[in-house]
Amino acid sequence: MKVSDHQNYLKLERFKRFQEKLFDHRRNSLADYFSLNKKESVKILIVDDEKIHQLTLSSQLRRLGYHPEIANNGREALAMFSGTHYNIVFMDVEMPIVDGIEATKRILEIKQHRPVIIGHTTLDTPQCYQLCTNAGMTTVLQKPANEDTIKGLMEKISKPFSVNKR
């Protein structure tokens, strides 16, 4: 075998290995994509002490094909997290018993999987936004949010690799 033939052989082998790795990566990415984008497999928790906000947000999410669960305050949310893996949490900031800031901090301390936590508040100040993001919330959503805003947000965070996995 000539040197040039051997070099071509090595190049071909490297190319084959590259293709195999690329195929494996794409297959795994697609598996993650399809499992995350099946709306019924996305576990959502709404944490809010006001029934009207619970009803509004849960109705919007149901119309989009999701099936959210509801906690009435931060303490209930923490109890629910001990037994269930949630991908996305809509967290009211101001609640009695355990507020959204404290609940977010505790959830992020105890969970090996980091859910996407969306602050959900009537407060529209830079200080509130800073407080929420410092606690570990991914973003902050103004109450009441219209359905198009919810839809856009859900499309964005339901894409592959948007939900952090630890």
C-alpha atoms as a PDB file:
ATOM      1  CA  MET A   1       0.000   0.000   0.000  1.00  0.00           C
ATOM      2  CA  LYS A   2       1.365   3.396  -0.956  1.00  0.00           C
ATOM      3  CA  VAL A   3       1.658   6.234   1.540  1.00  0.00           C
ATOM      4  CA  SER A   4      -1.022   8.274  -0.252  1.00  0.00           C
ATOM      5  CA  ASP A   5      -3.393   5.256  -0.202  1.00  0.00           C
ATOM      6  CA  HIS A   6      -2.751   4.817   3.514  1.00  0.00           C
ATOM      7  CA  GLN A   7      -3.394   8.512   4.150  1.00  0.00           C
ATOM      8  CA  ASN A   8      -6.633   8.341   2.188  1.00  0.00           C
ATOM      9  CA  TYR A   9      -7.632   5.255   4.170  1.00  0.00           C
ATOM     10  CA  LEU A  10      -7.008   7.106   7.460  1.00  0.00           C
ATOM     11  CA  LYS A  11      -8.976  10.115   6.249  1.00  0.00           C
ATOM     12  CA  LEU A  12     -11.864   7.874   5.284  1.00  0.00           C
ATOM     13  CA  GLU A  13     -11.807   6.149   8.688  1.00  0.00           C
ATOM     14  CA  ARG A  14     -11.784   9.508  10.512  1.00  0.00           C
ATOM     15  CA  PHE A  15     -14.677  10.673   8.352  1.00  0.00           C
ATOM     16  CA  LYS A  16     -16.665   7.506   9.187  1.00  0.00           C
ATOM     17  CA  ARG A  17     -16.062   8.021  12.933  1.00  0.00           C
ATOM     18  CA  PHE A  18     -17.131  11.644  12.592  1.00  0.00           C
ATOM     19  CA  GLN A  19     -20.359  10.591  10.837  1.00  0.00           C
ATOM     20  CA  GLU A  20     -21.102   8.008  13.540  1.00  0.00           C
ATOM     21  CA  LYS A  21     -20.628  10.579  16.298  1.00  0.00           C
ATOM     22  CA  LEU A  22     -22.752  13.096  14.438  1.00  0.00           C
ATOM     23  CA  PHE A  23     -25.509  10.528  13.910  1.00  0.00           C
ATOM     24  CA  ASP A  24     -25.461   9.546  17.603  1.00  0.00           C
ATOM     25  CA  HIS A  25     -25.629  13.197  18.638  1.00  0.00           C
ATOM     26  CA  ARG A  26     -28.514  13.912  16.277  1.00  0.00           C
ATOM     27  CA  ARG A  27     -30.388  10.799  17.391  1.00  0.00           C
ATOM     28  CA  ASN A  28     -30.010  11.790  21.059  1.00  0.00           C
ATOM     29  CA  SER A  29     -30.959  15.397  20.290  1.00  0.00           C
ATOM     30  CA  LEU A  30     -34.076  14.273  18.448  1.00  0.00           C
ATOM     31  CA  ALA A  31     -35.048  11.964  21.301  1.00  0.00           C
ATOM     32  CA  ASP A  32     -34.702  14.864  23.741  1.00  0.00           C
ATOM     33  CA  TYR A  33     -36.605  17.121  21.375  1.00  0.00           C
ATOM     34  CA  PHE A  34     -39.564  14.824  20.984  1.00  0.00           C
ATOM     35  CA  SER A  35     -39.776  13.967  24.670  1.00  0.00           C
ATOM     36  CA  LEU A  36     -39.688  17.647  25.692  1.00  0.00           C
ATOM     37  CA  ASN A  37     -42.119  18.793  23.044  1.00  0.00           C
ATOM     38  CA  LYS A  38     -44.861  16.323  23.850  1.00  0.00           C
ATOM     39  CA  LYS A  39     -47.068  18.713  25.755  1.00  0.00           C
ATOM     40  CA  GLU A  40     -48.522  15.980  27.903  1.00  0.00           C
ATOM     41  CA  SER A  41     -45.043  15.044  29.117  1.00  0.00           C
ATOM     42  CA  VAL A  42     -44.177  18.604  30.206  1.00  0.00           C
ATOM     43  CA  LYS A  43     -44.963  18.849  33.917  1.00  0.00           C
ATOM     44  CA  ILE A  44     -46.108  22.354  34.863  1.00  0.00           C
ATOM     45  CA  LEU A  45     -46.832  23.728  38.320  1.00  0.00           C
ATOM     46  CA  ILE A  46     -48.699  26.990  38.918  1.00  0.00           C
ATOM     47  CA  VAL A  47     -48.000  28.448  42.361  1.00  0.00           C
ATOM     48  CA  ASP A  48     -50.373  31.287  43.226  1.00  0.00           C
ATOM     49  CA  ASP A  49     -52.524  32.183  46.207  1.00  0.00           C
ATOM     50  CA  GLU A  50     -55.194  33.987  44.181  1.00  0.00           C
ATOM     51  CA  LYS A  51     -57.820  31.732  42.594  1.00  0.00           C
ATOM     52  CA  ILE A  52     -58.490  34.111  39.692  1.00  0.00           C
ATOM     53  CA  HIS A  53     -54.830  34.014  38.631  1.00  0.00           C
ATOM     54  CA  GLN A  54     -54.743  30.219  39.021  1.00  0.00           C
ATOM     55  CA  LEU A  55     -57.840  29.858  36.873  1.00  0.00           C
ATOM     56  CA  THR A  56     -56.693  32.327  34.207  1.00  0.00           C
ATOM     57  CA  LEU A  57     -53.228  30.834  33.748  1.00  0.00           C
ATOM     58  CA  SER A  58     -54.357  27.205  33.973  1.00  0.00           C
ATOM     59  CA  SER A  59     -57.100  27.857  31.383  1.00  0.00           C
ATOM     60  CA  GLN A  60     -54.593  29.460  29.008  1.00  0.00           C
ATOM     61  CA  LEU A  61     -52.175  26.554  29.396  1.00  0.00           C
ATOM     62  CA  ARG A  62     -54.946  23.970  28.928  1.00  0.00           C
ATOM     63  CA  ARG A  63     -56.050  25.663  25.683  1.00  0.00           C
ATOM     64  CA  LEU A  64     -52.443  25.303  24.520  1.00  0.00           C
ATOM     65  CA  GLY A  65     -52.535  21.563  25.290  1.00  0.00           C
ATOM     66  CA  TYR A  66     -50.721  21.475  28.655  1.00  0.00           C
ATOM     67  CA  HIS A  67     -52.013  19.993  31.907  1.00  0.00           C
ATOM     68  CA  PRO A  68     -50.790  22.153  34.801  1.00  0.00           C
ATOM     69  CA  GLU A  69     -51.084  21.359  38.479  1.00  0.00           C
ATOM     70  CA  ILE A  70     -51.763  24.035  41.105  1.00  0.00           C
ATOM     71  CA  ALA A  71     -50.283  24.888  44.501  1.00  0.00           C
ATOM     72  CA  ASN A  72     -51.872  27.616  46.642  1.00  0.00           C
ATOM     73  CA  ASN A  73     -48.634  28.858  48.219  1.00  0.00           C
ATOM     74  CA  GLY A  74     -44.914  28.211  48.427  1.00  0.00           C
ATOM     75  CA  ARG A  75     -45.254  25.630  51.196  1.00  0.00           C
ATOM     76  CA  GLU A  76     -47.624  23.514  49.088  1.00  0.00           C
ATOM     77  CA  ALA A  77     -45.279  23.850  46.110  1.00  0.00           C
ATOM     78  CA  LEU A  78     -42.340  22.577  48.163  1.00  0.00           C
ATOM     79  CA  ALA A  79     -44.399  19.604  49.332  1.00  0.00           C
ATOM     80  CA  MET A  80     -45.439  18.832  45.748  1.00  0.00           C
ATOM     81  CA  PHE A  81     -41.818  19.055  44.577  1.00  0.00           C
ATOM     82  CA  SER A  82     -40.771  16.374  47.032  1.00  0.00           C
ATOM     83  CA  GLY A  83     -42.750  13.788  45.078  1.00  0.00           C
ATOM     84  CA  THR A  84     -42.923  15.066  41.506  1.00  0.00           C
ATOM     85  CA  HIS A  85     -40.501  16.264  38.846  1.00  0.00           C
ATOM     86  CA  TYR A  86     -41.749  19.532  37.305  1.00  0.00           C
ATOM     87  CA  ASN A  87     -40.198  21.014  34.160  1.00  0.00           C
ATOM     88  CA  ILE A  88     -41.777  24.458  34.409  1.00  0.00           C
ATOM     89  CA  VAL A  89     -43.058  26.466  37.384  1.00  0.00           C
ATOM     90  CA  PHE A  90     -45.097  29.664  37.230  1.00  0.00           C
ATOM     91  CA  MET A  91     -44.308  31.211  40.625  1.00  0.00           C
ATOM     92  CA  ASP A  92     -46.278  34.087  42.137  1.00  0.00           C
ATOM     93  CA  VAL A  93     -43.850  36.419  43.876  1.00  0.00           C
ATOM     94  CA  GLU A  94     -46.044  37.692  46.718  1.00  0.00           C
ATOM     95  CA  MET A  95     -47.838  34.942  48.672  1.00  0.00           C
ATOM     96  CA  PRO A  96     -48.573  34.220  52.318  1.00  0.00           C
ATOM     97  CA  ILE A  97     -46.879  31.409  54.262  1.00  0.00           C
ATOM     98  CA  VAL A  98     -43.862  30.970  51.921  1.00  0.00           C
ATOM     99  CA  ASP A  99     -43.476  33.626  49.220  1.00  0.00           C
ATOM    100  CA  GLY A 100     -42.280  32.976  45.677  1.00  0.00           C
ATOM    101  CA  ILE A 101     -38.739  34.222  46.271  1.00  0.00           C
ATOM    102  CA  GLU A 102     -38.172  31.907  49.239  1.00  0.00           C
ATOM    103  CA  ALA A 103     -39.921  28.964  47.534  1.00  0.00           C
ATOM    104  CA  THR A 104     -37.732  29.409  44.438  1.00  0.00           C
ATOM    105  CA  LYS A 105     -34.552  29.398  46.518  1.00  0.00           C
ATOM    106  CA  ARG A 106     -35.625  26.251  48.386  1.00  0.00           C
ATOM    107  CA  ILE A 107     -36.669  24.420  45.205  1.00  0.00           C
ATOM    108  CA  LEU A 108     -33.326  25.144  43.611  1.00  0.00           C
ATOM    109  CA  GLU A 109     -31.517  23.956  46.766  1.00  0.00           C
ATOM    110  CA  ILE A 110     -33.318  20.611  47.033  1.00  0.00           C
ATOM    111  CA  LYS A 111     -33.813  19.594  43.407  1.00  0.00           C
ATOM    112  CA  GLN A 112     -31.160  17.834  41.392  1.00  0.00           C
ATOM    113  CA  HIS A 113     -33.067  18.816  38.252  1.00  0.00           C
ATOM    114  CA  ARG A 114     -33.346  22.567  37.800  1.00  0.00           C
ATOM    115  CA  PRO A 115     -36.827  23.469  36.549  1.00  0.00           C
ATOM    116  CA  VAL A 116     -37.565  26.606  34.572  1.00  0.00           C
ATOM    117  CA  ILE A 117     -39.102  28.951  37.147  1.00  0.00           C
ATOM    118  CA  ILE A 118     -41.081  31.869  35.777  1.00  0.00           C
ATOM    119  CA  GLY A 119     -41.863  34.668  38.182  1.00  0.00           C
ATOM    120  CA  HIS A 120     -45.499  35.654  37.852  1.00  0.00           C
ATOM    121  CA  THR A 121     -46.280  39.026  39.403  1.00  0.00           C
ATOM    122  CA  THR A 122     -48.372  42.189  39.271  1.00  0.00           C
ATOM    123  CA  LEU A 123     -45.315  44.230  40.239  1.00  0.00           C
ATOM    124  CA  ASP A 124     -43.648  45.895  37.276  1.00  0.00           C
ATOM    125  CA  THR A 125     -40.450  47.320  38.681  1.00  0.00           C
ATOM    126  CA  PRO A 126     -36.784  46.741  37.941  1.00  0.00           C
ATOM    127  CA  GLN A 127     -36.288  45.912  41.640  1.00  0.00           C
ATOM    128  CA  CYS A 128     -38.852  43.099  41.462  1.00  0.00           C
ATOM    129  CA  TYR A 129     -37.253  41.710  38.302  1.00  0.00           C
ATOM    130  CA  GLN A 130     -33.814  41.825  39.943  1.00  0.00           C
ATOM    131  CA  LEU A 131     -35.117  40.157  43.115  1.00  0.00           C
ATOM    132  CA  CYS A 132     -36.692  37.351  41.051  1.00  0.00           C
ATOM    133  CA  THR A 133     -33.639  36.691  38.891  1.00  0.00           C
ATOM    134  CA  ASN A 134     -31.340  36.826  41.931  1.00  0.00           C
ATOM    135  CA  ALA A 135     -33.501  34.137  43.552  1.00  0.00           C
ATOM    136  CA  GLY A 136     -32.983  31.912  40.494  1.00  0.00           C
ATOM    137  CA  MET A 137     -36.078  32.546  38.409  1.00  0.00           C
ATOM    138  CA  THR A 138     -35.486  32.233  34.674  1.00  0.00           C
ATOM    139  CA  THR A 139     -37.690  35.165  33.719  1.00  0.00           C
ATOM    140  CA  VAL A 140     -40.549  37.279  35.058  1.00  0.00           C
ATOM    141  CA  LEU A 141     -44.014  37.475  33.530  1.00  0.00           C
ATOM    142  CA  GLN A 142     -46.409  40.336  34.222  1.00  0.00           C
ATOM    143  CA  LYS A 143     -49.901  39.419  35.493  1.00  0.00           C
ATOM    144  CA  PRO A 144     -52.257  39.025  33.798  1.00  0.00           C
ATOM    145  CA  ALA A 145     -50.463  37.739  30.723  1.00  0.00           C
ATOM    146  CA  ASN A 146     -52.396  37.308  27.496  1.00  0.00           C
ATOM    147  CA  GLU A 147     -52.548  33.947  25.779  1.00  0.00           C
ATOM    148  CA  ASP A 148     -50.182  34.963  22.963  1.00  0.00           C
ATOM    149  CA  THR A 149     -47.520  35.872  25.526  1.00  0.00           C
ATOM    150  CA  ILE A 150     -47.978  32.517  27.292  1.00  0.00           C
ATOM    151  CA  LYS A 151     -47.880  30.668  23.972  1.00  0.00           C
ATOM    152  CA  GLY A 152     -44.676  32.418  22.874  1.00  0.00           C
ATOM    153  CA  LEU A 153     -43.023  31.764  26.221  1.00  0.00           C
ATOM    154  CA  MET A 154     -44.008  28.089  26.214  1.00  0.00           C
ATOM    155  CA  GLU A 155     -42.738  27.616  22.658  1.00  0.00           C
ATOM    156  CA  LYS A 156     -39.440  29.205  23.629  1.00  0.00           C
ATOM    157  CA  ILE A 157     -38.832  27.178  26.793  1.00  0.00           C
ATOM    158  CA  SER A 158     -40.185  23.890  25.434  1.00  0.00           C
ATOM    159  CA  LYS A 159     -37.565  23.729  22.661  1.00  0.00           C
ATOM    160  CA  PRO A 160     -34.724  21.212  23.028  1.00  0.00           C
ATOM    161  CA  PHE A 161     -32.090  22.009  25.598  1.00  0.00           C
ATOM    162  CA  SER A 162     -34.021  25.062  26.853  1.00  0.00           C
ATOM    163  CA  VAL A 163     -35.029  23.253  30.006  1.00  0.00           C
ATOM    164  CA  ASN A 164     -31.847  22.855  32.058  1.00  0.00           C
ATOM    165  CA  LYS A 165     -31.004  19.279  32.979  1.00  0.00           C
ATOM    166  CA  ARG A 166     -28.680  18.470  35.833  1.00  0.00           C
END
